[in-house]
């Protein structure tokens, strides 16, 4: 219900962001 799609290219966000920018990569 809370994941909109308006075209055939719509993408569901599925990227974890834990620790982003906090630890060296």
PDBML (XML) file of the C-alpha atoms, coordinates in Angstrom:
<?xml version="1.0" encoding="UTF-8" ?>
<PDBx:datablock datablockName="MODEL"
   xmlns:PDBx="http://pdbml.pdb.org/schema/pdbx-v50.xsd"
   xmlns:xsi="http://www.w3.org/2001/XMLSchema-instance"
   xsi:schemaLocation="http://pdbml.pdb.org/schema/pdbx-v50.xsd pdbx-v50.xsd">
   <PDBx:atom_siteCategory>
      <PDBx:atom_site id="1">
         <PDBx:B_iso_or_equiv>0.00</PDBx:B_iso_or_equiv>
         <PDBx:Cartn_x>0.000</PDBx:Cartn_x>
         <PDBx:Cartn_y>0.000</PDBx:Cartn_y>
         <PDBx:Cartn_z>0.000</PDBx:Cartn_z>
         <PDBx:auth_asym_id>A</PDBx:auth_asym_id>
         <PDBx:auth_atom_id>CA</PDBx:auth_atom_id>
         <PDBx:auth_comp_id>UNK</PDBx:auth_comp_id>
         <PDBx:auth_seq_id>1</PDBx:auth_seq_id>
         <PDBx:group_PDB>ATOM</PDBx:group_PDB>
         <PDBx:label_alt_id xsi:nil="true" />
         <PDBx:label_asym_id>A</PDBx:label_asym_id>
         <PDBx:label_atom_id>CA</PDBx:label_atom_id>
         <PDBx:label_comp_id>UNK</PDBx:label_comp_id>
         <PDBx:label_entity_id>1</PDBx:label_entity_id>
         <PDBx:label_seq_id>1</PDBx:label_seq_id>
         <PDBx:occupancy>1.00</PDBx:occupancy>
         <PDBx:pdbx_PDB_model_num>1</PDBx:pdbx_PDB_model_num>
         <PDBx:type_symbol>C</PDBx:type_symbol>
      </PDBx:atom_site>
      <PDBx:atom_site id="2">
         <PDBx:B_iso_or_equiv>0.00</PDBx:B_iso_or_equiv>
         <PDBx:Cartn_x>2.832</PDBx:Cartn_x>
         <PDBx:Cartn_y>2.428</PDBx:Cartn_y>
         <PDBx:Cartn_z>0.736</PDBx:Cartn_z>
         <PDBx:auth_asym_id>A</PDBx:auth_asym_id>
         <PDBx:auth_atom_id>CA</PDBx:auth_atom_id>
         <PDBx:auth_comp_id>UNK</PDBx:auth_comp_id>
         <PDBx:auth_seq_id>2</PDBx:auth_seq_id>
         <PDBx:group_PDB>ATOM</PDBx:group_PDB>
         <PDBx:label_alt_id xsi:nil="true" />
         <PDBx:label_asym_id>A</PDBx:label_asym_id>
         <PDBx:label_atom_id>CA</PDBx:label_atom_id>
         <PDBx:label_comp_id>UNK</PDBx:label_comp_id>
         <PDBx:label_entity_id>1</PDBx:label_entity_id>
         <PDBx:label_seq_id>2</PDBx:label_seq_id>
         <PDBx:occupancy>1.00</PDBx:occupancy>
         <PDBx:pdbx_PDB_model_num>1</PDBx:pdbx_PDB_model_num>
         <PDBx:type_symbol>C</PDBx:type_symbol>
      </PDBx:atom_site>
      <PDBx:atom_site id="3">
         <PDBx:B_iso_or_equiv>0.00</PDBx:B_iso_or_equiv>
         <PDBx:Cartn_x>5.020</PDBx:Cartn_x>
         <PDBx:Cartn_y>1.530</PDBx:Cartn_y>
         <PDBx:Cartn_z>-2.260</PDBx:Cartn_z>
         <PDBx:auth_asym_id>A</PDBx:auth_asym_id>
         <PDBx:auth_atom_id>CA</PDBx:auth_atom_id>
         <PDBx:auth_comp_id>UNK</PDBx:auth_comp_id>
         <PDBx:auth_seq_id>3</PDBx:auth_seq_id>
         <PDBx:group_PDB>ATOM</PDBx:group_PDB>
         <PDBx:label_alt_id xsi:nil="true" />
         <PDBx:label_asym_id>A</PDBx:label_asym_id>
         <PDBx:label_atom_id>CA</PDBx:label_atom_id>
         <PDBx:label_comp_id>UNK</PDBx:label_comp_id>
         <PDBx:label_entity_id>1</PDBx:label_entity_id>
         <PDBx:label_seq_id>3</PDBx:label_seq_id>
         <PDBx:occupancy>1.00</PDBx:occupancy>
         <PDBx:pdbx_PDB_model_num>1</PDBx:pdbx_PDB_model_num>
         <PDBx:type_symbol>C</PDBx:type_symbol>
      </PDBx:atom_site>
      <PDBx:atom_site id="4">
         <PDBx:B_iso_or_equiv>0.00</PDBx:B_iso_or_equiv>
         <PDBx:Cartn_x>3.826</PDBx:Cartn_x>
         <PDBx:Cartn_y>3.471</PDBx:Cartn_y>
         <PDBx:Cartn_z>-5.328</PDBx:Cartn_z>
         <PDBx:auth_asym_id>A</PDBx:auth_asym_id>
         <PDBx:auth_atom_id>CA</PDBx:auth_atom_id>
         <PDBx:auth_comp_id>UNK</PDBx:auth_comp_id>
         <PDBx:auth_seq_id>4</PDBx:auth_seq_id>
         <PDBx:group_PDB>ATOM</PDBx:group_PDB>
         <PDBx:label_alt_id xsi:nil="true" />
         <PDBx:label_asym_id>A</PDBx:label_asym_id>
         <PDBx:label_atom_id>CA</PDBx:label_atom_id>
         <PDBx:label_comp_id>UNK</PDBx:label_comp_id>
         <PDBx:label_entity_id>1</PDBx:label_entity_id>
         <PDBx:label_seq_id>4</PDBx:label_seq_id>
         <PDBx:occupancy>1.00</PDBx:occupancy>
         <PDBx:pdbx_PDB_model_num>1</PDBx:pdbx_PDB_model_num>
         <PDBx:type_symbol>C</PDBx:type_symbol>
      </PDBx:atom_site>
      <PDBx:atom_site id="5">
         <PDBx:B_iso_or_equiv>0.00</PDBx:B_iso_or_equiv>
         <PDBx:Cartn_x>4.439</PDBx:Cartn_x>
         <PDBx:Cartn_y>2.545</PDBx:Cartn_y>
         <PDBx:Cartn_z>-8.954</PDBx:Cartn_z>
         <PDBx:auth_asym_id>A</PDBx:auth_asym_id>
         <PDBx:auth_atom_id>CA</PDBx:auth_atom_id>
         <PDBx:auth_comp_id>UNK</PDBx:auth_comp_id>
         <PDBx:auth_seq_id>5</PDBx:auth_seq_id>
         <PDBx:group_PDB>ATOM</PDBx:group_PDB>
         <PDBx:label_alt_id xsi:nil="true" />
         <PDBx:label_asym_id>A</PDBx:label_asym_id>
         <PDBx:label_atom_id>CA</PDBx:label_atom_id>
         <PDBx:label_comp_id>UNK</PDBx:label_comp_id>
         <PDBx:label_entity_id>1</PDBx:label_entity_id>
         <PDBx:label_seq_id>5</PDBx:label_seq_id>
         <PDBx:occupancy>1.00</PDBx:occupancy>
         <PDBx:pdbx_PDB_model_num>1</PDBx:pdbx_PDB_model_num>
         <PDBx:type_symbol>C</PDBx:type_symbol>
      </PDBx:atom_site>
      <PDBx:atom_site id="6">
         <PDBx:B_iso_or_equiv>0.00</PDBx:B_iso_or_equiv>
         <PDBx:Cartn_x>3.646</PDBx:Cartn_x>
         <PDBx:Cartn_y>4.919</PDBx:Cartn_y>
         <PDBx:Cartn_z>-11.819</PDBx:Cartn_z>
         <PDBx:auth_asym_id>A</PDBx:auth_asym_id>
         <PDBx:auth_atom_id>CA</PDBx:auth_atom_id>
         <PDBx:auth_comp_id>UNK</PDBx:auth_comp_id>
         <PDBx:auth_seq_id>6</PDBx:auth_seq_id>
         <PDBx:group_PDB>ATOM</PDBx:group_PDB>
         <PDBx:label_alt_id xsi:nil="true" />
         <PDBx:label_asym_id>A</PDBx:label_asym_id>
         <PDBx:label_atom_id>CA</PDBx:label_atom_id>
         <PDBx:label_comp_id>UNK</PDBx:label_comp_id>
         <PDBx:label_entity_id>1</PDBx:label_entity_id>
         <PDBx:label_seq_id>6</PDBx:label_seq_id>
         <PDBx:occupancy>1.00</PDBx:occupancy>
         <PDBx:pdbx_PDB_model_num>1</PDBx:pdbx_PDB_model_num>
         <PDBx:type_symbol>C</PDBx:type_symbol>
      </PDBx:atom_site>
      <PDBx:atom_site id="7">
         <PDBx:B_iso_or_equiv>0.00</PDBx:B_iso_or_equiv>
         <PDBx:Cartn_x>5.521</PDBx:Cartn_x>
         <PDBx:Cartn_y>3.342</PDBx:Cartn_y>
         <PDBx:Cartn_z>-14.733</PDBx:Cartn_z>
         <PDBx:auth_asym_id>A</PDBx:auth_asym_id>
         <PDBx:auth_atom_id>CA</PDBx:auth_atom_id>
         <PDBx:auth_comp_id>UNK</PDBx:auth_comp_id>
         <PDBx:auth_seq_id>7</PDBx:auth_seq_id>
         <PDBx:group_PDB>ATOM</PDBx:group_PDB>
         <PDBx:label_alt_id xsi:nil="true" />
         <PDBx:label_asym_id>A</PDBx:label_asym_id>
         <PDBx:label_atom_id>CA</PDBx:label_atom_id>
         <PDBx:label_comp_id>UNK</PDBx:label_comp_id>
         <PDBx:label_entity_id>1</PDBx:label_entity_id>
         <PDBx:label_seq_id>7</PDBx:label_seq_id>
         <PDBx:occupancy>1.00</PDBx:occupancy>
         <PDBx:pdbx_PDB_model_num>1</PDBx:pdbx_PDB_model_num>
         <PDBx:type_symbol>C</PDBx:type_symbol>
      </PDBx:atom_site>
      <PDBx:atom_site id="8">
         <PDBx:B_iso_or_equiv>0.00</PDBx:B_iso_or_equiv>
         <PDBx:Cartn_x>6.961</PDBx:Cartn_x>
         <PDBx:Cartn_y>0.033</PDBx:Cartn_y>
         <PDBx:Cartn_z>-15.850</PDBx:Cartn_z>
         <PDBx:auth_asym_id>A</PDBx:auth_asym_id>
         <PDBx:auth_atom_id>CA</PDBx:auth_atom_id>
         <PDBx:auth_comp_id>UNK</PDBx:auth_comp_id>
         <PDBx:auth_seq_id>8</PDBx:auth_seq_id>
         <PDBx:group_PDB>ATOM</PDBx:group_PDB>
         <PDBx:label_alt_id xsi:nil="true" />
         <PDBx:label_asym_id>A</PDBx:label_asym_id>
         <PDBx:label_atom_id>CA</PDBx:label_atom_id>
         <PDBx:label_comp_id>UNK</PDBx:label_comp_id>
         <PDBx:label_entity_id>1</PDBx:label_entity_id>
         <PDBx:label_seq_id>8</PDBx:label_seq_id>
         <PDBx:occupancy>1.00</PDBx:occupancy>
         <PDBx:pdbx_PDB_model_num>1</PDBx:pdbx_PDB_model_num>
         <PDBx:type_symbol>C</PDBx:type_symbol>
      </PDBx:atom_site>
      <PDBx:atom_site id="9">
         <PDBx:B_iso_or_equiv>0.00</PDBx:B_iso_or_equiv>
         <PDBx:Cartn_x>10.366</PDBx:Cartn_x>
         <PDBx:Cartn_y>1.169</PDBx:Cartn_y>
         <PDBx:Cartn_z>-14.553</PDBx:Cartn_z>
         <PDBx:auth_asym_id>A</PDBx:auth_asym_id>
         <PDBx:auth_atom_id>CA</PDBx:auth_atom_id>
         <PDBx:auth_comp_id>UNK</PDBx:auth_comp_id>
         <PDBx:auth_seq_id>9</PDBx:auth_seq_id>
         <PDBx:group_PDB>ATOM</PDBx:group_PDB>
         <PDBx:label_alt_id xsi:nil="true" />
         <PDBx:label_asym_id>A</PDBx:label_asym_id>
         <PDBx:label_atom_id>CA</PDBx:label_atom_id>
         <PDBx:label_comp_id>UNK</PDBx:label_comp_id>
         <PDBx:label_entity_id>1</PDBx:label_entity_id>
         <PDBx:label_seq_id>9</PDBx:label_seq_id>
         <PDBx:occupancy>1.00</PDBx:occupancy>
         <PDBx:pdbx_PDB_model_num>1</PDBx:pdbx_PDB_model_num>
         <PDBx:type_symbol>C</PDBx:type_symbol>
      </PDBx:atom_site>
      <PDBx:atom_site id="10">
         <PDBx:B_iso_or_equiv>0.00</PDBx:B_iso_or_equiv>
         <PDBx:Cartn_x>9.233</PDBx:Cartn_x>
         <PDBx:Cartn_y>1.761</PDBx:Cartn_y>
         <PDBx:Cartn_z>-10.959</PDBx:Cartn_z>
         <PDBx:auth_asym_id>A</PDBx:auth_asym_id>
         <PDBx:auth_atom_id>CA</PDBx:auth_atom_id>
         <PDBx:auth_comp_id>UNK</PDBx:auth_comp_id>
         <PDBx:auth_seq_id>10</PDBx:auth_seq_id>
         <PDBx:group_PDB>ATOM</PDBx:group_PDB>
         <PDBx:label_alt_id xsi:nil="true" />
         <PDBx:label_asym_id>A</PDBx:label_asym_id>
         <PDBx:label_atom_id>CA</PDBx:label_atom_id>
         <PDBx:label_comp_id>UNK</PDBx:label_comp_id>
         <PDBx:label_entity_id>1</PDBx:label_entity_id>
         <PDBx:label_seq_id>10</PDBx:label_seq_id>
         <PDBx:occupancy>1.00</PDBx:occupancy>
         <PDBx:pdbx_PDB_model_num>1</PDBx:pdbx_PDB_model_num>
         <PDBx:type_symbol>C</PDBx:type_symbol>
      </PDBx:atom_site>
      <PDBx:atom_site id="11">
         <PDBx:B_iso_or_equiv>0.00</PDBx:B_iso_or_equiv>
         <PDBx:Cartn_x>11.717</PDBx:Cartn_x>
         <PDBx:Cartn_y>0.372</PDBx:Cartn_y>
         <PDBx:Cartn_z>-8.432</PDBx:Cartn_z>
         <PDBx:auth_asym_id>A</PDBx:auth_asym_id>
         <PDBx:auth_atom_id>CA</PDBx:auth_atom_id>
         <PDBx:auth_comp_id>UNK</PDBx:auth_comp_id>
         <PDBx:auth_seq_id>11</PDBx:auth_seq_id>
         <PDBx:group_PDB>ATOM</PDBx:group_PDB>
         <PDBx:label_alt_id xsi:nil="true" />
         <PDBx:label_asym_id>A</PDBx:label_asym_id>
         <PDBx:label_atom_id>CA</PDBx:label_atom_id>
         <PDBx:label_comp_id>UNK</PDBx:label_comp_id>
         <PDBx:label_entity_id>1</PDBx:label_entity_id>
         <PDBx:label_seq_id>11</PDBx:label_seq_id>
         <PDBx:occupancy>1.00</PDBx:occupancy>
         <PDBx:pdbx_PDB_model_num>1</PDBx:pdbx_PDB_model_num>
         <PDBx:type_symbol>C</PDBx:type_symbol>
      </PDBx:atom_site>
      <PDBx:atom_site id="12">
         <PDBx:B_iso_or_equiv>0.00</PDBx:B_iso_or_equiv>
         <PDBx:Cartn_x>11.084</PDBx:Cartn_x>
         <PDBx:Cartn_y>-0.620</PDBx:Cartn_y>
         <PDBx:Cartn_z>-4.843</PDBx:Cartn_z>
         <PDBx:auth_asym_id>A</PDBx:auth_asym_id>
         <PDBx:auth_atom_id>CA</PDBx:auth_atom_id>
         <PDBx:auth_comp_id>UNK</PDBx:auth_comp_id>
         <PDBx:auth_seq_id>12</PDBx:auth_seq_id>
         <PDBx:group_PDB>ATOM</PDBx:group_PDB>
         <PDBx:label_alt_id xsi:nil="true" />
         <PDBx:label_asym_id>A</PDBx:label_asym_id>
         <PDBx:label_atom_id>CA</PDBx:label_atom_id>
         <PDBx:label_comp_id>UNK</PDBx:label_comp_id>
         <PDBx:label_entity_id>1</PDBx:label_entity_id>
         <PDBx:label_seq_id>12</PDBx:label_seq_id>
         <PDBx:occupancy>1.00</PDBx:occupancy>
         <PDBx:pdbx_PDB_model_num>1</PDBx:pdbx_PDB_model_num>
         <PDBx:type_symbol>C</PDBx:type_symbol>
      </PDBx:atom_site>
      <PDBx:atom_site id="13">
         <PDBx:B_iso_or_equiv>0.00</PDBx:B_iso_or_equiv>
         <PDBx:Cartn_x>13.788</PDBx:Cartn_x>
         <PDBx:Cartn_y>0.763</PDBx:Cartn_y>
         <PDBx:Cartn_z>-2.570</PDBx:Cartn_z>
         <PDBx:auth_asym_id>A</PDBx:auth_asym_id>
         <PDBx:auth_atom_id>CA</PDBx:auth_atom_id>
         <PDBx:auth_comp_id>UNK</PDBx:auth_comp_id>
         <PDBx:auth_seq_id>13</PDBx:auth_seq_id>
         <PDBx:group_PDB>ATOM</PDBx:group_PDB>
         <PDBx:label_alt_id xsi:nil="true" />
         <PDBx:label_asym_id>A</PDBx:label_asym_id>
         <PDBx:label_atom_id>CA</PDBx:label_atom_id>
         <PDBx:label_comp_id>UNK</PDBx:label_comp_id>
         <PDBx:label_entity_id>1</PDBx:label_entity_id>
         <PDBx:label_seq_id>13</PDBx:label_seq_id>
         <PDBx:occupancy>1.00</PDBx:occupancy>
         <PDBx:pdbx_PDB_model_num>1</PDBx:pdbx_PDB_model_num>
         <PDBx:type_symbol>C</PDBx:type_symbol>
      </PDBx:atom_site>
      <PDBx:atom_site id="14">
         <PDBx:B_iso_or_equiv>0.00</PDBx:B_iso_or_equiv>
         <PDBx:Cartn_x>15.812</PDBx:Cartn_x>
         <PDBx:Cartn_y>-2.149</PDBx:Cartn_y>
         <PDBx:Cartn_z>-1.228</PDBx:Cartn_z>
         <PDBx:auth_asym_id>A</PDBx:auth_asym_id>
         <PDBx:auth_atom_id>CA</PDBx:auth_atom_id>
         <PDBx:auth_comp_id>UNK</PDBx:auth_comp_id>
         <PDBx:auth_seq_id>14</PDBx:auth_seq_id>
         <PDBx:group_PDB>ATOM</PDBx:group_PDB>
         <PDBx:label_alt_id xsi:nil="true" />
         <PDBx:label_asym_id>A</PDBx:label_asym_id>
         <PDBx:label_atom_id>CA</PDBx:label_atom_id>
         <PDBx:label_comp_id>UNK</PDBx:label_comp_id>
         <PDBx:label_entity_id>1</PDBx:label_entity_id>
         <PDBx:label_seq_id>14</PDBx:label_seq_id>
         <PDBx:occupancy>1.00</PDBx:occupancy>
         <PDBx:pdbx_PDB_model_num>1</PDBx:pdbx_PDB_model_num>
         <PDBx:type_symbol>C</PDBx:type_symbol>
      </PDBx:atom_site>
      <PDBx:atom_site id="15">
         <PDBx:B_iso_or_equiv>0.00</PDBx:B_iso_or_equiv>
         <PDBx:Cartn_x>19.145</PDBx:Cartn_x>
         <PDBx:Cartn_y>-0.718</PDBx:Cartn_y>
         <PDBx:Cartn_z>-0.105</PDBx:Cartn_z>
         <PDBx:auth_asym_id>A</PDBx:auth_asym_id>
         <PDBx:auth_atom_id>CA</PDBx:auth_atom_id>
         <PDBx:auth_comp_id>UNK</PDBx:auth_comp_id>
         <PDBx:auth_seq_id>15</PDBx:auth_seq_id>
         <PDBx:group_PDB>ATOM</PDBx:group_PDB>
         <PDBx:label_alt_id xsi:nil="true" />
         <PDBx:label_asym_id>A</PDBx:label_asym_id>
         <PDBx:label_atom_id>CA</PDBx:label_atom_id>
         <PDBx:label_comp_id>UNK</PDBx:label_comp_id>
         <PDBx:label_entity_id>1</PDBx:label_entity_id>
         <PDBx:label_seq_id>15</PDBx:label_seq_id>
         <PDBx:occupancy>1.00</PDBx:occupancy>
         <PDBx:pdbx_PDB_model_num>1</PDBx:pdbx_PDB_model_num>
         <PDBx:type_symbol>C</PDBx:type_symbol>
      </PDBx:atom_site>
      <PDBx:atom_site id="16">
         <PDBx:B_iso_or_equiv>0.00</PDBx:B_iso_or_equiv>
         <PDBx:Cartn_x>20.264</PDBx:Cartn_x>
         <PDBx:Cartn_y>-1.056</PDBx:Cartn_y>
         <PDBx:Cartn_z>3.524</PDBx:Cartn_z>
         <PDBx:auth_asym_id>A</PDBx:auth_asym_id>
         <PDBx:auth_atom_id>CA</PDBx:auth_atom_id>
         <PDBx:auth_comp_id>UNK</PDBx:auth_comp_id>
         <PDBx:auth_seq_id>16</PDBx:auth_seq_id>
         <PDBx:group_PDB>ATOM</PDBx:group_PDB>
         <PDBx:label_alt_id xsi:nil="true" />
         <PDBx:label_asym_id>A</PDBx:label_asym_id>
         <PDBx:label_atom_id>CA</PDBx:label_atom_id>
         <PDBx:label_comp_id>UNK</PDBx:label_comp_id>
         <PDBx:label_entity_id>1</PDBx:label_entity_id>
         <PDBx:label_seq_id>16</PDBx:label_seq_id>
         <PDBx:occupancy>1.00</PDBx:occupancy>
         <PDBx:pdbx_PDB_model_num>1</PDBx:pdbx_PDB_model_num>
         <PDBx:type_symbol>C</PDBx:type_symbol>
      </PDBx:atom_site>
      <PDBx:atom_site id="17">
         <PDBx:B_iso_or_equiv>0.00</PDBx:B_iso_or_equiv>
         <PDBx:Cartn_x>21.897</PDBx:Cartn_x>
         <PDBx:Cartn_y>2.058</PDBx:Cartn_y>
         <PDBx:Cartn_z>4.907</PDBx:Cartn_z>
         <PDBx:auth_asym_id>A</PDBx:auth_asym_id>
         <PDBx:auth_atom_id>CA</PDBx:auth_atom_id>
         <PDBx:auth_comp_id>UNK</PDBx:auth_comp_id>
         <PDBx:auth_seq_id>17</PDBx:auth_seq_id>
         <PDBx:group_PDB>ATOM</PDBx:group_PDB>
         <PDBx:label_alt_id xsi:nil="true" />
         <PDBx:label_asym_id>A</PDBx:label_asym_id>
         <PDBx:label_atom_id>CA</PDBx:label_atom_id>
         <PDBx:label_comp_id>UNK</PDBx:label_comp_id>
         <PDBx:label_entity_id>1</PDBx:label_entity_id>
         <PDBx:label_seq_id>17</PDBx:label_seq_id>
         <PDBx:occupancy>1.00</PDBx:occupancy>
         <PDBx:pdbx_PDB_model_num>1</PDBx:pdbx_PDB_model_num>
         <PDBx:type_symbol>C</PDBx:type_symbol>
      </PDBx:atom_site>
      <PDBx:atom_site id="18">
         <PDBx:B_iso_or_equiv>0.00</PDBx:B_iso_or_equiv>
         <PDBx:Cartn_x>23.147</PDBx:Cartn_x>
         <PDBx:Cartn_y>0.918</PDBx:Cartn_y>
         <PDBx:Cartn_z>8.291</PDBx:Cartn_z>
         <PDBx:auth_asym_id>A</PDBx:auth_asym_id>
         <PDBx:auth_atom_id>CA</PDBx:auth_atom_id>
         <PDBx:auth_comp_id>UNK</PDBx:auth_comp_id>
         <PDBx:auth_seq_id>18</PDBx:auth_seq_id>
         <PDBx:group_PDB>ATOM</PDBx:group_PDB>
         <PDBx:label_alt_id xsi:nil="true" />
         <PDBx:label_asym_id>A</PDBx:label_asym_id>
         <PDBx:label_atom_id>CA</PDBx:label_atom_id>
         <PDBx:label_comp_id>UNK</PDBx:label_comp_id>
         <PDBx:label_entity_id>1</PDBx:label_entity_id>
         <PDBx:label_seq_id>18</PDBx:label_seq_id>
         <PDBx:occupancy>1.00</PDBx:occupancy>
         <PDBx:pdbx_PDB_model_num>1</PDBx:pdbx_PDB_model_num>
         <PDBx:type_symbol>C</PDBx:type_symbol>
      </PDBx:atom_site>
      <PDBx:atom_site id="19">
         <PDBx:B_iso_or_equiv>0.00</PDBx:B_iso_or_equiv>
         <PDBx:Cartn_x>26.414</PDBx:Cartn_x>
         <PDBx:Cartn_y>2.548</PDBx:Cartn_y>
         <PDBx:Cartn_z>9.195</PDBx:Cartn_z>
         <PDBx:auth_asym_id>A</PDBx:auth_asym_id>
         <PDBx:auth_atom_id>CA</PDBx:auth_atom_id>
         <PDBx:auth_comp_id>UNK</PDBx:auth_comp_id>
         <PDBx:auth_seq_id>19</PDBx:auth_seq_id>
         <PDBx:group_PDB>ATOM</PDBx:group_PDB>
         <PDBx:label_alt_id xsi:nil="true" />
         <PDBx:label_asym_id>A</PDBx:label_asym_id>
         <PDBx:label_atom_id>CA</PDBx:label_atom_id>
         <PDBx:label_comp_id>UNK</PDBx:label_comp_id>
         <PDBx:label_entity_id>1</PDBx:label_entity_id>
         <PDBx:label_seq_id>19</PDBx:label_seq_id>
         <PDBx:occupancy>1.00</PDBx:occupancy>
         <PDBx:pdbx_PDB_model_num>1</PDBx:pdbx_PDB_model_num>
         <PDBx:type_symbol>C</PDBx:type_symbol>
      </PDBx:atom_site>
      <PDBx:atom_site id="20">
         <PDBx:B_iso_or_equiv>0.00</PDBx:B_iso_or_equiv>
         <PDBx:Cartn_x>26.521</PDBx:Cartn_x>
         <PDBx:Cartn_y>4.647</PDBx:Cartn_y>
         <PDBx:Cartn_z>6.043</PDBx:Cartn_z>
         <PDBx:auth_asym_id>A</PDBx:auth_asym_id>
         <PDBx:auth_atom_id>CA</PDBx:auth_atom_id>
         <PDBx:auth_comp_id>UNK</PDBx:auth_comp_id>
         <PDBx:auth_seq_id>20</PDBx:auth_seq_id>
         <PDBx:group_PDB>ATOM</PDBx:group_PDB>
         <PDBx:label_alt_id xsi:nil="true" />
         <PDBx:label_asym_id>A</PDBx:label_asym_id>
         <PDBx:label_atom_id>CA</PDBx:label_atom_id>
         <PDBx:label_comp_id>UNK</PDBx:label_comp_id>
         <PDBx:label_entity_id>1</PDBx:label_entity_id>
         <PDBx:label_seq_id>20</PDBx:label_seq_id>
         <PDBx:occupancy>1.00</PDBx:occupancy>
         <PDBx:pdbx_PDB_model_num>1</PDBx:pdbx_PDB_model_num>
         <PDBx:type_symbol>C</PDBx:type_symbol>
      </PDBx:atom_site>
      <PDBx:atom_site id="21">
         <PDBx:B_iso_or_equiv>0.00</PDBx:B_iso_or_equiv>
         <PDBx:Cartn_x>29.260</PDBx:Cartn_x>
         <PDBx:Cartn_y>7.224</PDBx:Cartn_y>
         <PDBx:Cartn_z>6.441</PDBx:Cartn_z>
         <PDBx:auth_asym_id>A</PDBx:auth_asym_id>
         <PDBx:auth_atom_id>CA</PDBx:auth_atom_id>
         <PDBx:auth_comp_id>UNK</PDBx:auth_comp_id>
         <PDBx:auth_seq_id>21</PDBx:auth_seq_id>
         <PDBx:group_PDB>ATOM</PDBx:group_PDB>
         <PDBx:label_alt_id xsi:nil="true" />
         <PDBx:label_asym_id>A</PDBx:label_asym_id>
         <PDBx:label_atom_id>CA</PDBx:label_atom_id>
         <PDBx:label_comp_id>UNK</PDBx:label_comp_id>
         <PDBx:label_entity_id>1</PDBx:label_entity_id>
         <PDBx:label_seq_id>21</PDBx:label_seq_id>
         <PDBx:occupancy>1.00</PDBx:occupancy>
         <PDBx:pdbx_PDB_model_num>1</PDBx:pdbx_PDB_model_num>
         <PDBx:type_symbol>C</PDBx:type_symbol>
      </PDBx:atom_site>
      <PDBx:atom_site id="22">
         <PDBx:B_iso_or_equiv>0.00</PDBx:B_iso_or_equiv>
         <PDBx:Cartn_x>30.056</PDBx:Cartn_x>
         <PDBx:Cartn_y>6.085</PDBx:Cartn_y>
         <PDBx:Cartn_z>9.979</PDBx:Cartn_z>
         <PDBx:auth_asym_id>A</PDBx:auth_asym_id>
         <PDBx:auth_atom_id>CA</PDBx:auth_atom_id>
         <PDBx:auth_comp_id>UNK</PDBx:auth_comp_id>
         <PDBx:auth_seq_id>22</PDBx:auth_seq_id>
         <PDBx:group_PDB>ATOM</PDBx:group_PDB>
         <PDBx:label_alt_id xsi:nil="true" />
         <PDBx:label_asym_id>A</PDBx:label_asym_id>
         <PDBx:label_atom_id>CA</PDBx:label_atom_id>
         <PDBx:label_comp_id>UNK</PDBx:label_comp_id>
         <PDBx:label_entity_id>1</PDBx:label_entity_id>
         <PDBx:label_seq_id>22</PDBx:label_seq_id>
         <PDBx:occupancy>1.00</PDBx:occupancy>
         <PDBx:pdbx_PDB_model_num>1</PDBx:pdbx_PDB_model_num>
         <PDBx:type_symbol>C</PDBx:type_symbol>
      </PDBx:atom_site>
      <PDBx:atom_site id="23">
         <PDBx:B_iso_or_equiv>0.00</PDBx:B_iso_or_equiv>
         <PDBx:Cartn_x>32.651</PDBx:Cartn_x>
         <PDBx:Cartn_y>3.389</PDBx:Cartn_y>
         <PDBx:Cartn_z>9.273</PDBx:Cartn_z>
         <PDBx:auth_asym_id>A</PDBx:auth_asym_id>
         <PDBx:auth_atom_id>CA</PDBx:auth_atom_id>
         <PDBx:auth_comp_id>UNK</PDBx:auth_comp_id>
         <PDBx:auth_seq_id>23</PDBx:auth_seq_id>
         <PDBx:group_PDB>ATOM</PDBx:group_PDB>
         <PDBx:label_alt_id xsi:nil="true" />
         <PDBx:label_asym_id>A</PDBx:label_asym_id>
         <PDBx:label_atom_id>CA</PDBx:label_atom_id>
         <PDBx:label_comp_id>UNK</PDBx:label_comp_id>
         <PDBx:label_entity_id>1</PDBx:label_entity_id>
         <PDBx:label_seq_id>23</PDBx:label_seq_id>
         <PDBx:occupancy>1.00</PDBx:occupancy>
         <PDBx:pdbx_PDB_model_num>1</PDBx:pdbx_PDB_model_num>
         <PDBx:type_symbol>C</PDBx:type_symbol>
      </PDBx:atom_site>
      <PDBx:atom_site id="24">
         <PDBx:B_iso_or_equiv>0.00</PDBx:B_iso_or_equiv>
         <PDBx:Cartn_x>35.484</PDBx:Cartn_x>
         <PDBx:Cartn_y>3.218</PDBx:Cartn_y>
         <PDBx:Cartn_z>6.753</PDBx:Cartn_z>
         <PDBx:auth_asym_id>A</PDBx:auth_asym_id>
         <PDBx:auth_atom_id>CA</PDBx:auth_atom_id>
         <PDBx:auth_comp_id>UNK</PDBx:auth_comp_id>
         <PDBx:auth_seq_id>24</PDBx:auth_seq_id>
         <PDBx:group_PDB>ATOM</PDBx:group_PDB>
         <PDBx:label_alt_id xsi:nil="true" />
         <PDBx:label_asym_id>A</PDBx:label_asym_id>
         <PDBx:label_atom_id>CA</PDBx:label_atom_id>
         <PDBx:label_comp_id>UNK</PDBx:label_comp_id>
         <PDBx:label_entity_id>1</PDBx:label_entity_id>
         <PDBx:label_seq_id>24</PDBx:label_seq_id>
         <PDBx:occupancy>1.00</PDBx:occupancy>
         <PDBx:pdbx_PDB_model_num>1</PDBx:pdbx_PDB_model_num>
         <PDBx:type_symbol>C</PDBx:type_symbol>
      </PDBx:atom_site>
      <PDBx:atom_site id="25">
         <PDBx:B_iso_or_equiv>0.00</PDBx:B_iso_or_equiv>
         <PDBx:Cartn_x>34.586</PDBx:Cartn_x>
         <PDBx:Cartn_y>1.257</PDBx:Cartn_y>
         <PDBx:Cartn_z>3.633</PDBx:Cartn_z>
         <PDBx:auth_asym_id>A</PDBx:auth_asym_id>
         <PDBx:auth_atom_id>CA</PDBx:auth_atom_id>
         <PDBx:auth_comp_id>UNK</PDBx:auth_comp_id>
         <PDBx:auth_seq_id>25</PDBx:auth_seq_id>
         <PDBx:group_PDB>ATOM</PDBx:group_PDB>
         <PDBx:label_alt_id xsi:nil="true" />
         <PDBx:label_asym_id>A</PDBx:label_asym_id>
         <PDBx:label_atom_id>CA</PDBx:label_atom_id>
         <PDBx:label_comp_id>UNK</PDBx:label_comp_id>
         <PDBx:label_entity_id>1</PDBx:label_entity_id>
         <PDBx:label_seq_id>25</PDBx:label_seq_id>
         <PDBx:occupancy>1.00</PDBx:occupancy>
         <PDBx:pdbx_PDB_model_num>1</PDBx:pdbx_PDB_model_num>
         <PDBx:type_symbol>C</PDBx:type_symbol>
      </PDBx:atom_site>
   </PDBx:atom_siteCategory>
</PDBx:datablock>
